N, C-alpha and C. Protein backbone atom coordinates (compact mmCIF):
# COMPACT_ATOMS: atom_id res chain seq x y z
N MET A 1 -34.19 -7.35 19.54
CA MET A 1 -33.00 -6.52 19.91
C MET A 1 -31.87 -7.36 19.35
N SER A 2 -31.74 -8.75 19.59
CA SER A 2 -30.45 -9.40 19.20
C SER A 2 -30.26 -9.65 17.59
N GLY A 3 -31.56 -9.55 16.86
CA GLY A 3 -31.51 -9.66 15.50
C GLY A 3 -30.86 -8.46 14.90
N HIS A 4 -30.96 -7.29 15.40
CA HIS A 4 -30.13 -6.04 15.02
C HIS A 4 -28.87 -6.13 15.24
N GLN A 5 -28.41 -6.90 16.33
CA GLN A 5 -26.94 -6.93 16.85
C GLN A 5 -26.42 -7.86 15.74
N LEU A 6 -26.93 -8.97 15.55
CA LEU A 6 -26.40 -9.84 14.76
C LEU A 6 -26.06 -9.31 13.17
N ILE A 7 -27.12 -8.43 12.84
CA ILE A 7 -26.69 -7.93 11.62
C ILE A 7 -25.72 -7.01 11.48
N ARG A 8 -25.57 -6.17 12.75
CA ARG A 8 -24.51 -5.27 12.83
C ARG A 8 -23.20 -5.96 12.84
N MET A 9 -22.97 -7.09 13.65
CA MET A 9 -21.93 -7.80 13.65
C MET A 9 -21.28 -8.39 12.34
N GLU A 10 -22.35 -8.92 11.62
CA GLU A 10 -22.07 -9.40 10.33
C GLU A 10 -21.39 -8.20 9.37
N GLU A 11 -22.03 -7.02 9.38
CA GLU A 11 -21.55 -5.77 8.58
C GLU A 11 -20.14 -5.70 9.01
N VAL A 12 -19.74 -5.49 10.23
CA VAL A 12 -18.61 -5.23 10.93
C VAL A 12 -17.54 -6.15 10.28
N GLN A 13 -17.87 -7.50 10.41
CA GLN A 13 -16.99 -8.44 9.86
C GLN A 13 -16.61 -8.49 8.45
N LEU A 14 -17.67 -8.10 7.73
CA LEU A 14 -17.49 -8.05 6.39
C LEU A 14 -16.60 -6.69 5.76
N GLY A 15 -16.65 -5.64 6.63
CA GLY A 15 -16.00 -4.63 6.30
C GLY A 15 -14.61 -4.49 6.66
N GLY A 16 -14.15 -5.67 7.47
CA GLY A 16 -12.81 -5.42 7.88
C GLY A 16 -11.85 -5.57 6.68
N ASN A 17 -11.97 -6.32 5.72
CA ASN A 17 -10.98 -6.52 4.63
C ASN A 17 -11.10 -5.06 3.82
N GLU A 18 -12.13 -4.41 3.70
CA GLU A 18 -12.14 -3.41 2.97
C GLU A 18 -11.22 -2.17 3.71
N ASN A 19 -11.29 -2.11 4.95
CA ASN A 19 -10.66 -1.21 5.75
C ASN A 19 -9.03 -1.51 5.65
N LYS A 20 -8.66 -2.91 5.72
CA LYS A 20 -7.29 -3.37 5.56
C LYS A 20 -6.56 -2.98 4.07
N GLY A 21 -7.72 -3.18 3.17
CA GLY A 21 -7.22 -2.97 1.72
C GLY A 21 -7.10 -1.54 1.50
N ASN A 22 -7.78 -0.64 2.25
CA ASN A 22 -7.56 0.86 2.12
C ASN A 22 -6.37 1.50 2.76
N LEU A 23 -6.12 0.72 3.97
CA LEU A 23 -4.84 1.10 4.75
C LEU A 23 -3.63 0.53 3.82
N MET A 24 -3.66 -0.57 3.48
CA MET A 24 -2.59 -1.08 2.56
C MET A 24 -2.24 -0.14 1.16
N MET A 25 -3.38 0.36 0.67
CA MET A 25 -3.37 1.12 -0.33
C MET A 25 -2.68 2.47 0.00
N THR A 26 -3.02 3.01 0.99
CA THR A 26 -2.54 4.34 1.51
C THR A 26 -1.29 4.31 1.93
N VAL A 27 -0.70 3.05 2.46
CA VAL A 27 0.71 3.14 2.83
C VAL A 27 1.46 2.73 1.48
N GLY A 28 1.10 2.03 0.67
CA GLY A 28 1.65 1.96 -0.80
C GLY A 28 1.86 3.42 -1.47
N LYS A 29 0.76 4.14 -1.40
CA LYS A 29 0.95 5.44 -2.09
C LYS A 29 1.95 6.24 -1.35
N LEU A 30 1.95 6.23 -0.03
CA LEU A 30 2.96 7.05 0.69
C LEU A 30 4.35 6.61 0.31
N LEU A 31 4.55 5.18 0.20
CA LEU A 31 5.85 4.81 -0.01
C LEU A 31 6.14 5.22 -1.55
N PHE A 32 5.29 5.22 -2.43
CA PHE A 32 5.73 5.74 -3.92
C PHE A 32 5.93 7.28 -3.91
N TRP A 33 5.49 7.96 -2.92
CA TRP A 33 5.45 9.31 -3.09
C TRP A 33 6.98 9.59 -2.33
N THR A 34 7.30 8.91 -1.17
CA THR A 34 8.55 8.96 -0.70
C THR A 34 9.78 8.38 -1.50
N ASP A 35 9.24 7.49 -2.32
CA ASP A 35 10.38 6.76 -3.37
C ASP A 35 10.92 7.79 -4.37
N LEU A 36 10.04 8.85 -4.58
CA LEU A 36 10.40 9.99 -5.67
C LEU A 36 11.38 10.77 -5.06
N ILE A 37 11.49 11.01 -3.65
CA ILE A 37 12.53 11.67 -3.07
C ILE A 37 13.93 10.92 -3.28
N PHE A 38 14.06 9.62 -3.09
CA PHE A 38 15.20 9.15 -3.37
C PHE A 38 15.68 8.88 -4.73
N LEU A 39 14.55 9.13 -5.66
CA LEU A 39 14.92 9.19 -7.10
C LEU A 39 15.87 10.12 -7.58
N ALA A 40 15.73 11.27 -6.72
CA ALA A 40 16.77 12.47 -6.93
C ALA A 40 18.23 12.15 -6.65
N PHE A 41 18.34 11.18 -5.92
CA PHE A 41 19.86 10.80 -5.42
C PHE A 41 20.23 9.54 -6.35
N VAL A 42 19.49 8.87 -7.10
CA VAL A 42 19.88 7.66 -7.76
C VAL A 42 20.99 8.14 -8.77
N TYR A 43 20.90 9.04 -9.55
CA TYR A 43 21.89 9.33 -10.57
C TYR A 43 23.31 9.67 -9.82
N SER A 44 23.22 10.44 -9.00
CA SER A 44 24.51 10.79 -8.29
C SER A 44 25.17 9.59 -7.55
N SER A 45 24.37 9.07 -6.99
CA SER A 45 24.88 7.49 -6.40
C SER A 45 25.47 6.56 -7.36
N VAL A 46 24.89 6.54 -8.46
CA VAL A 46 25.45 5.53 -9.54
C VAL A 46 26.62 6.13 -10.19
N LYS A 47 26.65 7.55 -10.28
CA LYS A 47 27.74 7.97 -10.70
C LYS A 47 28.99 8.02 -9.90
N SER A 48 28.87 8.04 -8.61
CA SER A 48 29.88 7.81 -7.64
C SER A 48 30.26 6.46 -7.35
N GLY A 49 29.54 5.56 -7.80
CA GLY A 49 29.68 4.23 -7.80
C GLY A 49 29.09 3.46 -6.77
N SER A 50 28.23 4.03 -6.14
CA SER A 50 27.37 3.42 -5.11
C SER A 50 26.03 2.89 -5.53
N LEU A 51 25.59 1.80 -5.03
CA LEU A 51 24.28 1.29 -5.30
C LEU A 51 23.22 1.28 -4.14
N VAL A 52 23.63 2.13 -3.12
CA VAL A 52 22.71 2.16 -2.19
C VAL A 52 21.38 2.66 -2.68
N TYR A 53 21.42 3.87 -3.10
CA TYR A 53 20.16 4.56 -3.41
C TYR A 53 19.47 3.93 -4.61
N PRO A 54 20.05 3.23 -5.53
CA PRO A 54 19.26 2.39 -6.58
C PRO A 54 18.60 1.38 -6.05
N LEU A 55 19.28 0.54 -5.31
CA LEU A 55 18.66 -0.70 -4.65
C LEU A 55 17.52 -0.14 -3.56
N TRP A 56 17.83 0.80 -2.95
CA TRP A 56 16.56 1.42 -1.94
C TRP A 56 15.55 1.71 -2.85
N PHE A 57 15.59 2.44 -3.96
CA PHE A 57 14.65 2.84 -4.87
C PHE A 57 13.82 1.69 -5.28
N LEU A 58 14.60 0.63 -5.85
CA LEU A 58 13.80 -0.48 -6.21
C LEU A 58 13.02 -1.33 -5.31
N GLY A 59 13.79 -1.43 -4.20
CA GLY A 59 13.12 -2.20 -2.99
C GLY A 59 11.94 -1.49 -2.52
N GLN A 60 11.92 -0.24 -2.47
CA GLN A 60 10.73 0.48 -1.85
C GLN A 60 9.69 0.53 -2.83
N GLY A 61 10.20 0.60 -4.13
CA GLY A 61 9.03 0.73 -5.17
C GLY A 61 8.40 -0.59 -5.18
N ALA A 62 9.11 -1.84 -5.09
CA ALA A 62 8.65 -3.09 -5.15
C ALA A 62 7.45 -3.28 -4.00
N LEU A 63 8.00 -2.79 -2.60
CA LEU A 63 7.21 -3.14 -1.71
C LEU A 63 5.89 -2.32 -1.95
N ALA A 64 5.91 -1.03 -2.51
CA ALA A 64 4.92 -0.03 -2.64
C ALA A 64 3.79 -0.71 -3.59
N LEU A 65 4.38 -1.28 -4.71
CA LEU A 65 3.46 -1.74 -5.64
C LEU A 65 2.80 -3.10 -5.16
N THR A 66 3.47 -3.77 -4.33
CA THR A 66 2.91 -5.01 -3.78
C THR A 66 1.86 -4.63 -2.82
N LEU A 67 1.97 -3.65 -1.97
CA LEU A 67 0.81 -3.07 -1.10
C LEU A 67 -0.34 -2.55 -1.88
N LEU A 68 0.06 -1.88 -3.00
CA LEU A 68 -1.12 -1.34 -3.73
C LEU A 68 -1.90 -2.75 -4.30
N ILE A 69 -1.25 -3.49 -4.91
CA ILE A 69 -1.91 -4.62 -5.57
C ILE A 69 -2.76 -5.48 -4.54
N ILE A 70 -1.96 -5.74 -3.29
CA ILE A 70 -2.75 -6.67 -2.39
C ILE A 70 -4.00 -5.76 -1.66
N GLY A 71 -3.73 -4.51 -1.44
CA GLY A 71 -4.83 -3.72 -1.01
C GLY A 71 -5.87 -3.34 -2.07
N ARG A 72 -5.68 -3.54 -3.20
CA ARG A 72 -6.75 -3.36 -4.28
C ARG A 72 -7.51 -4.77 -4.25
N ILE A 73 -6.82 -5.86 -4.11
CA ILE A 73 -7.47 -6.94 -4.01
C ILE A 73 -8.45 -7.18 -2.83
N LYS A 74 -7.90 -6.78 -1.80
CA LYS A 74 -8.51 -6.87 -0.32
C LYS A 74 -9.80 -6.02 -0.31
N ARG A 75 -9.67 -4.81 -0.89
CA ARG A 75 -10.81 -3.80 -0.90
C ARG A 75 -11.76 -4.00 -1.96
N GLY A 76 -11.41 -4.72 -2.99
CA GLY A 76 -12.41 -5.07 -4.07
C GLY A 76 -13.10 -3.94 -4.60
N ALA A 77 -14.09 -4.24 -5.39
CA ALA A 77 -14.67 -3.15 -6.20
C ALA A 77 -15.56 -2.12 -5.49
N LEU A 78 -15.30 -0.88 -5.85
CA LEU A 78 -15.96 0.01 -5.07
C LEU A 78 -17.55 0.05 -5.27
N THR A 79 -18.11 -0.42 -6.33
CA THR A 79 -19.37 -0.41 -6.61
C THR A 79 -19.73 -2.00 -6.55
N GLU A 80 -20.46 -2.25 -5.63
CA GLU A 80 -21.28 -3.68 -5.69
C GLU A 80 -22.57 -3.68 -5.50
C-alpha cells in the first residue's frame, strides 16, 4: 500500500510545475485580450497629449508576454 502512495506523491510533485505553467499562460492570455481593449484608447490618448494609455498598454503587454514565456517554460513540452 505504501508503494502506491509513494508513486502517487511523486506524480503530484512532478505535475506541480505543469499546473503553474498552465495558470501563468492562462493569465498571460487574459492580459493580452484585455490589453486589446486599451489599444482602442491609445490613439486618442496620444492625440490629446497624455501617455497614460500607451504606457499602460506597453506595461500590460510586457507583463503578459513575460507570463506566457515563463509559463511555457514551466509547463514544458506537451508530448513527452
